[in-house]
Amino acid sequence: MNFRKYLPSDSRDGRAVVSVEEGTTLQDLMGMLGIPGDEQGTAVINGISYGVTDTQVLMDGDVVSFFSPVAGG
């Protein structure tokens, strides 16, 4: 899965600035971006890893990154 396809059309270099209301959760942000709720992967908020199903509340200035699952060994 490549999360880039869910970025807003005005994003550049795989990055986008998205404004959200106070109390918005990671799940809310995923919905705003059109990322399916059953998507597999990892979300990193300010350097801390969360599952994409986490209900972490976002704060002003948070940097959120989405990563596809990695396989290998």
C-alpha atoms as a PDB file:
ATOM      1  CA  MET A   1       0.000   0.000   0.000  1.00  0.00           C
ATOM      2  CA  ASN A   2       1.249   3.430  -0.889  1.00  0.00           C
ATOM      3  CA  PHE A   3      -0.242   6.162   1.281  1.00  0.00           C
ATOM      4  CA  ARG A   4       0.810   8.908  -1.170  1.00  0.00           C
ATOM      5  CA  LYS A   5      -2.327   8.321  -3.214  1.00  0.00           C
ATOM      6  CA  TYR A   6      -4.356   9.702  -0.295  1.00  0.00           C
ATOM      7  CA  LEU A   7      -2.508  13.027  -0.099  1.00  0.00           C
ATOM      8  CA  PRO A   8      -4.410  16.191  -1.066  1.00  0.00           C
ATOM      9  CA  SER A   9      -3.894  17.301  -4.669  1.00  0.00           C
ATOM     10  CA  ASP A  10      -1.848  20.336  -3.574  1.00  0.00           C
ATOM     11  CA  SER A  11       0.727  18.204  -1.719  1.00  0.00           C
ATOM     12  CA  ARG A  12       4.372  18.367  -2.778  1.00  0.00           C
ATOM     13  CA  ASP A  13       7.117  15.775  -2.464  1.00  0.00           C
ATOM     14  CA  GLY A  14       4.899  13.422  -0.463  1.00  0.00           C
ATOM     15  CA  ARG A  15       4.040  16.108   2.095  1.00  0.00           C
ATOM     16  CA  ALA A  16       0.930  18.118   2.839  1.00  0.00           C
ATOM     17  CA  VAL A  17      -0.137  20.642   5.446  1.00  0.00           C
ATOM     18  CA  VAL A  18      -3.582  19.774   6.757  1.00  0.00           C
ATOM     19  CA  SER A  19      -5.524  21.871   9.260  1.00  0.00           C
ATOM     20  CA  VAL A  20      -7.786  20.015  11.660  1.00  0.00           C
ATOM     21  CA  GLU A  21     -10.087  21.079  14.469  1.00  0.00           C
ATOM     22  CA  GLU A  22      -9.210  20.640  18.139  1.00  0.00           C
ATOM     23  CA  GLY A  23      -9.993  17.105  19.300  1.00  0.00           C
ATOM     24  CA  THR A  24      -9.326  15.516  15.903  1.00  0.00           C
ATOM     25  CA  THR A  25      -8.001  11.971  16.256  1.00  0.00           C
ATOM     26  CA  LEU A  26      -5.650  10.014  14.043  1.00  0.00           C
ATOM     27  CA  GLN A  27      -8.677   8.049  12.812  1.00  0.00           C
ATOM     28  CA  ASP A  28     -10.474  11.326  11.988  1.00  0.00           C
ATOM     29  CA  LEU A  29      -7.468  12.507   9.950  1.00  0.00           C
ATOM     30  CA  MET A  30      -7.392   9.227   8.068  1.00  0.00           C
ATOM     31  CA  GLY A  31     -11.073   9.668   7.223  1.00  0.00           C
ATOM     32  CA  MET A  32     -10.453  13.238   6.044  1.00  0.00           C
ATOM     33  CA  LEU A  33      -7.733  11.937   3.712  1.00  0.00           C
ATOM     34  CA  GLY A  34      -9.888   9.060   2.466  1.00  0.00           C
ATOM     35  CA  ILE A  35      -7.687   6.345   3.971  1.00  0.00           C
ATOM     36  CA  PRO A  36      -9.827   3.241   4.565  1.00  0.00           C
ATOM     37  CA  GLY A  37     -10.263   2.302   8.238  1.00  0.00           C
ATOM     38  CA  ASP A  38      -9.017  -1.223   7.592  1.00  0.00           C
ATOM     39  CA  GLU A  39      -5.752  -0.032   6.001  1.00  0.00           C
ATOM     40  CA  GLN A  40      -2.639  -1.745   7.339  1.00  0.00           C
ATOM     41  CA  GLY A  41       0.401   0.275   8.309  1.00  0.00           C
ATOM     42  CA  THR A  42       1.952   2.524  10.906  1.00  0.00           C
ATOM     43  CA  ALA A  43       1.374   6.152  11.768  1.00  0.00           C
ATOM     44  CA  VAL A  44       4.168   8.178  13.340  1.00  0.00           C
ATOM     45  CA  ILE A  45       3.193  11.297  15.268  1.00  0.00           C
ATOM     46  CA  ASN A  46       6.128  13.493  16.282  1.00  0.00           C
ATOM     47  CA  GLY A  47       8.456  10.494  16.128  1.00  0.00           C
ATOM     48  CA  ILE A  48       6.228   8.134  18.150  1.00  0.00           C
ATOM     49  CA  SER A  49       4.828   5.083  16.364  1.00  0.00           C
ATOM     50  CA  TYR A  50       1.106   4.241  16.520  1.00  0.00           C
ATOM     51  CA  GLY A  51      -1.052   1.726  14.716  1.00  0.00           C
ATOM     52  CA  VAL A  52      -3.232   3.287  12.037  1.00  0.00           C
ATOM     53  CA  THR A  53      -6.268   2.205  14.045  1.00  0.00           C
ATOM     54  CA  ASP A  54      -5.155   4.250  17.073  1.00  0.00           C
ATOM     55  CA  THR A  55      -7.452   6.965  18.394  1.00  0.00           C
ATOM     56  CA  GLN A  56      -4.606   9.293  19.421  1.00  0.00           C
ATOM     57  CA  VAL A  57      -5.820  12.927  19.611  1.00  0.00           C
ATOM     58  CA  LEU A  58      -3.789  15.287  17.421  1.00  0.00           C
ATOM     59  CA  MET A  59      -2.409  18.539  18.795  1.00  0.00           C
ATOM     60  CA  ASP A  60      -1.506  21.831  17.116  1.00  0.00           C
ATOM     61  CA  GLY A  61       1.782  21.471  15.228  1.00  0.00           C
ATOM     62  CA  ASP A  62       1.843  17.652  15.202  1.00  0.00           C
ATOM     63  CA  VAL A  63       3.758  16.051  12.362  1.00  0.00           C
ATOM     64  CA  VAL A  64       2.030  12.872  11.176  1.00  0.00           C
ATOM     65  CA  SER A  65       3.571  10.341   8.788  1.00  0.00           C
ATOM     66  CA  PHE A  66       1.982   7.176   7.424  1.00  0.00           C
ATOM     67  CA  PHE A  67       4.050   4.117   6.497  1.00  0.00           C
ATOM     68  CA  SER A  68       3.044   0.951   4.680  1.00  0.00           C
ATOM     69  CA  PRO A  69       3.801  -2.417   6.311  1.00  0.00           C
ATOM     70  CA  VAL A  70       7.323  -3.667   5.744  1.00  0.00           C
ATOM     71  CA  ALA A  71       8.052  -7.330   5.183  1.00  0.00           C
ATOM     72  CA  GLY A  72      11.322  -9.102   5.031  1.00  0.00           C
ATOM     73  CA  GLY A  73      13.799 -10.770   7.204  1.00  0.00           C
END
